[in-house]
Structure formats: structure tokens, C-alpha cells
């Protein structure tokens, strides 16, 4: 056991030297090392009790198209997920709340043209 712990620490130190600030936390590295050592090379995260159910961005996008004024809590309740899951979904989609509406963080070409040429 001590030898395994030393091996994990050595691997972690090498990883930190190579990746610097982008290195994994020590505990995360230990978990992945143990997983690979046991022969489990599945890169997908394991289901955890209490983990938020995942949902597709298309579902969130469709819900936003219906009503752009919905709050994160309302969206979470409607879609049956947690508020943090909605937060991360919106962030991944590049959505930002402005004047009580969800809008894309970066304007699409048509939105820029609409703003420039339509008064």
C-alpha cells in the first residue's frame, strides 16, 4: 500500500511538472490512477448518488425559445434537473441574461445586422 501511494505521488509530481497550473488535484489523480490500475479504462464519469441527471442542450434551448424570461430555477423545475445543471448548460451554450431575457453572449451575424440596419 505504501509503495502504491509513493507511486501515485511520483506520478502526480511528474504530471505537475509537465502541466503546471493545469495539473489535476492530488485526490483526482489518485482516483484515476486507482481506476486505471484496476483495469477500468472507461473515461466517462461514474454515476453517483445525488448526481444531477444530464439533459441535452437542445431541450434547454427549446425551452428558452418558448420563453426567454424564465429564471434558472423555473427552467430546472420544468426540465427536472438541478439549478447548477441549468447554469452550466446555459454557460456551455454561451447564454447570458440581459434585461430579464436569455441572449447569446456573442451576437450572431443576423443579430448584428438587425441592430445596425433596423431601427
C-alpha atoms as a PDB file:
ATOM      1  CA  UNK A   1       0.000   0.000   0.000  1.00  0.00           C
ATOM      2  CA  UNK A   2       2.789   2.439   0.915  1.00  0.00           C
ATOM      3  CA  UNK A   3       4.559   1.617  -2.335  1.00  0.00           C
ATOM      4  CA  UNK A   4       1.332   2.307  -4.276  1.00  0.00           C
ATOM      5  CA  UNK A   5       0.907   5.663  -2.514  1.00  0.00           C
ATOM      6  CA  UNK A   6       4.506   6.605  -3.307  1.00  0.00           C
ATOM      7  CA  UNK A   7       3.967   5.573  -6.922  1.00  0.00           C
ATOM      8  CA  UNK A   8       0.834   7.756  -7.138  1.00  0.00           C
ATOM      9  CA  UNK A   9       2.668  10.721  -5.588  1.00  0.00           C
ATOM     10  CA  UNK A  10       5.579  10.280  -8.009  1.00  0.00           C
ATOM     11  CA  UNK A  11       3.185  10.148 -10.971  1.00  0.00           C
ATOM     12  CA  UNK A  12       1.409  13.245  -9.667  1.00  0.00           C
ATOM     13  CA  UNK A  13       4.682  15.155  -9.260  1.00  0.00           C
ATOM     14  CA  UNK A  14       5.669  14.285 -12.842  1.00  0.00           C
ATOM     15  CA  UNK A  15       2.238  15.377 -14.014  1.00  0.00           C
ATOM     16  CA  UNK A  16       2.559  18.715 -12.155  1.00  0.00           C
ATOM     17  CA  UNK A  17       5.994  19.336 -13.628  1.00  0.00           C
ATOM     18  CA  UNK A  18       4.672  18.746 -17.140  1.00  0.00           C
ATOM     19  CA  UNK A  19       1.290  20.504 -16.839  1.00  0.00           C
ATOM     20  CA  UNK A  20       1.963  23.196 -14.201  1.00  0.00           C
ATOM     21  CA  UNK A  21      -1.179  25.136 -13.254  1.00  0.00           C
ATOM     22  CA  UNK A  22      -3.325  22.853 -15.398  1.00  0.00           C
ATOM     23  CA  UNK A  23      -2.484  19.768 -13.304  1.00  0.00           C
ATOM     24  CA  UNK A  24      -5.195  17.748 -11.587  1.00  0.00           C
ATOM     25  CA  UNK A  25      -5.768  17.883  -7.850  1.00  0.00           C
ATOM     26  CA  UNK A  26      -3.932  15.151  -5.942  1.00  0.00           C
ATOM     27  CA  UNK A  27      -7.156  13.342  -4.932  1.00  0.00           C
ATOM     28  CA  UNK A  28      -8.441  13.370  -8.519  1.00  0.00           C
ATOM     29  CA  UNK A  29      -5.157  11.927  -9.719  1.00  0.00           C
ATOM     30  CA  UNK A  30      -5.350   9.194  -7.055  1.00  0.00           C
ATOM     31  CA  UNK A  31      -8.875   8.226  -8.132  1.00  0.00           C
ATOM     32  CA  UNK A  32      -7.924   7.999 -11.830  1.00  0.00           C
ATOM     33  CA  UNK A  33      -4.732   6.096 -11.049  1.00  0.00           C
ATOM     34  CA  UNK A  34      -6.692   3.572  -8.957  1.00  0.00           C
ATOM     35  CA  UNK A  35      -9.315   3.240 -11.676  1.00  0.00           C
ATOM     36  CA  UNK A  36      -6.744   2.556 -14.407  1.00  0.00           C
ATOM     37  CA  UNK A  37      -4.744   0.223 -12.176  1.00  0.00           C
ATOM     38  CA  UNK A  38      -7.882  -1.871 -11.571  1.00  0.00           C
ATOM     39  CA  UNK A  39      -8.275  -2.265 -15.335  1.00  0.00           C
ATOM     40  CA  UNK A  40     -11.123   0.224 -15.743  1.00  0.00           C
ATOM     41  CA  UNK A  41     -10.168   2.434 -18.693  1.00  0.00           C
ATOM     42  CA  UNK A  42     -13.628   3.930 -19.161  1.00  0.00           C
ATOM     43  CA  UNK A  43     -13.185   7.709 -19.385  1.00  0.00           C
ATOM     44  CA  UNK A  44     -16.831   8.524 -18.661  1.00  0.00           C
ATOM     45  CA  UNK A  45     -17.646   9.542 -15.108  1.00  0.00           C
ATOM     46  CA  UNK A  46     -19.407   7.008 -12.940  1.00  0.00           C
ATOM     47  CA  UNK A  47     -22.989   7.579 -11.830  1.00  0.00           C
ATOM     48  CA  UNK A  48     -23.067   8.917  -8.289  1.00  0.00           C
ATOM     49  CA  UNK A  49     -25.954   9.036  -5.887  1.00  0.00           C
ATOM     50  CA  UNK A  50     -27.315  12.559  -5.872  1.00  0.00           C
ATOM     51  CA  UNK A  51     -25.660  13.415  -9.179  1.00  0.00           C
ATOM     52  CA  UNK A  52     -27.691  15.701 -11.425  1.00  0.00           C
ATOM     53  CA  UNK A  53     -29.393  13.928 -14.279  1.00  0.00           C
ATOM     54  CA  UNK A  54     -27.927  15.061 -17.567  1.00  0.00           C
ATOM     55  CA  UNK A  55     -30.003  16.655 -20.282  1.00  0.00           C
ATOM     56  CA  UNK A  56     -29.445  17.797 -23.800  1.00  0.00           C
ATOM     57  CA  UNK A  57     -28.710  21.426 -24.651  1.00  0.00           C
ATOM     58  CA  UNK A  58     -31.366  21.175 -27.369  1.00  0.00           C
ATOM     59  CA  UNK A  59     -34.019  20.645 -24.690  1.00  0.00           C
ATOM     60  CA  UNK A  60     -32.785  23.687 -22.775  1.00  0.00           C
ATOM     61  CA  UNK A  61     -32.586  25.706 -25.992  1.00  0.00           C
ATOM     62  CA  UNK A  62     -36.132  24.738 -26.959  1.00  0.00           C
ATOM     63  CA  UNK A  63     -37.379  25.732 -23.524  1.00  0.00           C
ATOM     64  CA  UNK A  64     -35.632  29.102 -23.867  1.00  0.00           C
ATOM     65  CA  UNK A  65     -37.133  29.647 -27.320  1.00  0.00           C
ATOM     66  CA  UNK A  66     -40.601  29.221 -25.820  1.00  0.00           C
ATOM     67  CA  UNK A  67     -39.946  31.794 -23.102  1.00  0.00           C
ATOM     68  CA  UNK A  68     -36.663  33.711 -22.786  1.00  0.00           C
ATOM     69  CA  UNK A  69     -37.718  35.308 -19.497  1.00  0.00           C
ATOM     70  CA  UNK A  70     -37.621  32.081 -17.441  1.00  0.00           C
ATOM     71  CA  UNK A  71     -35.402  32.080 -14.382  1.00  0.00           C
ATOM     72  CA  UNK A  72     -32.861  29.282 -13.824  1.00  0.00           C
ATOM     73  CA  UNK A  73     -34.984  27.792 -11.013  1.00  0.00           C
ATOM     74  CA  UNK A  74     -38.036  27.681 -13.287  1.00  0.00           C
ATOM     75  CA  UNK A  75     -36.034  26.025 -16.063  1.00  0.00           C
ATOM     76  CA  UNK A  76     -34.638  23.462 -13.587  1.00  0.00           C
ATOM     77  CA  UNK A  77     -38.118  22.608 -12.309  1.00  0.00           C
ATOM     78  CA  UNK A  78     -39.538  22.334 -15.835  1.00  0.00           C
ATOM     79  CA  UNK A  79     -36.703  20.110 -17.090  1.00  0.00           C
ATOM     80  CA  UNK A  80     -36.394  18.057 -13.882  1.00  0.00           C
ATOM     81  CA  UNK A  81     -32.740  18.903 -13.228  1.00  0.00           C
ATOM     82  CA  UNK A  82     -30.857  20.982 -10.676  1.00  0.00           C
ATOM     83  CA  UNK A  83     -30.278  24.716 -10.949  1.00  0.00           C
ATOM     84  CA  UNK A  84     -26.481  24.190 -11.215  1.00  0.00           C
ATOM     85  CA  UNK A  85     -27.110  21.870 -14.195  1.00  0.00           C
ATOM     86  CA  UNK A  86     -29.097  24.681 -15.848  1.00  0.00           C
ATOM     87  CA  UNK A  87     -26.346  27.177 -15.015  1.00  0.00           C
ATOM     88  CA  UNK A  88     -23.681  25.002 -16.644  1.00  0.00           C
ATOM     89  CA  UNK A  89     -25.918  24.256 -19.637  1.00  0.00           C
ATOM     90  CA  UNK A  90     -26.523  27.960 -20.221  1.00  0.00           C
ATOM     91  CA  UNK A  91     -22.841  28.705 -19.811  1.00  0.00           C
ATOM     92  CA  UNK A  92     -21.912  25.955 -22.277  1.00  0.00           C
ATOM     93  CA  UNK A  93     -24.444  27.373 -24.753  1.00  0.00           C
ATOM     94  CA  UNK A  94     -22.917  30.828 -24.311  1.00  0.00           C
ATOM     95  CA  UNK A  95     -26.158  32.311 -22.994  1.00  0.00           C
ATOM     96  CA  UNK A  96     -26.259  35.416 -20.838  1.00  0.00           C
ATOM     97  CA  UNK A  97     -29.191  37.031 -19.018  1.00  0.00           C
ATOM     98  CA  UNK A  98     -29.773  40.656 -20.023  1.00  0.00           C
ATOM     99  CA  UNK A  99     -32.812  42.778 -19.258  1.00  0.00           C
ATOM    100  CA  UNK A 100     -34.684  39.712 -17.984  1.00  0.00           C
ATOM    101  CA  UNK A 101     -34.045  37.690 -21.169  1.00  0.00           C
ATOM    102  CA  UNK A 102     -31.550  34.960 -22.059  1.00  0.00           C
ATOM    103  CA  UNK A 103     -29.492  36.023 -25.058  1.00  0.00           C
ATOM    104  CA  UNK A 104     -26.408  34.600 -26.782  1.00  0.00           C
ATOM    105  CA  UNK A 105     -23.221  36.014 -25.301  1.00  0.00           C
ATOM    106  CA  UNK A 106     -21.835  36.605 -28.771  1.00  0.00           C
ATOM    107  CA  UNK A 107     -24.171  38.070 -31.305  1.00  0.00           C
ATOM    108  CA  UNK A 108     -24.810  36.116 -34.458  1.00  0.00           C
ATOM    109  CA  UNK A 109     -24.313  37.887 -37.801  1.00  0.00           C
ATOM    110  CA  UNK A 110     -28.074  38.277 -38.279  1.00  0.00           C
ATOM    111  CA  UNK A 111     -28.386  39.879 -34.827  1.00  0.00           C
ATOM    112  CA  UNK A 112     -25.619  42.372 -35.619  1.00  0.00           C
ATOM    113  CA  UNK A 113     -27.277  43.231 -38.939  1.00  0.00           C
ATOM    114  CA  UNK A 114     -30.637  43.580 -37.216  1.00  0.00           C
ATOM    115  CA  UNK A 115     -29.167  46.016 -34.720  1.00  0.00           C
ATOM    116  CA  UNK A 116     -27.288  48.020 -37.334  1.00  0.00           C
ATOM    117  CA  UNK A 117     -29.883  48.233 -40.088  1.00  0.00           C
ATOM    118  CA  UNK A 118     -33.224  48.084 -38.269  1.00  0.00           C
ATOM    119  CA  UNK A 119     -34.105  50.988 -36.089  1.00  0.00           C
END
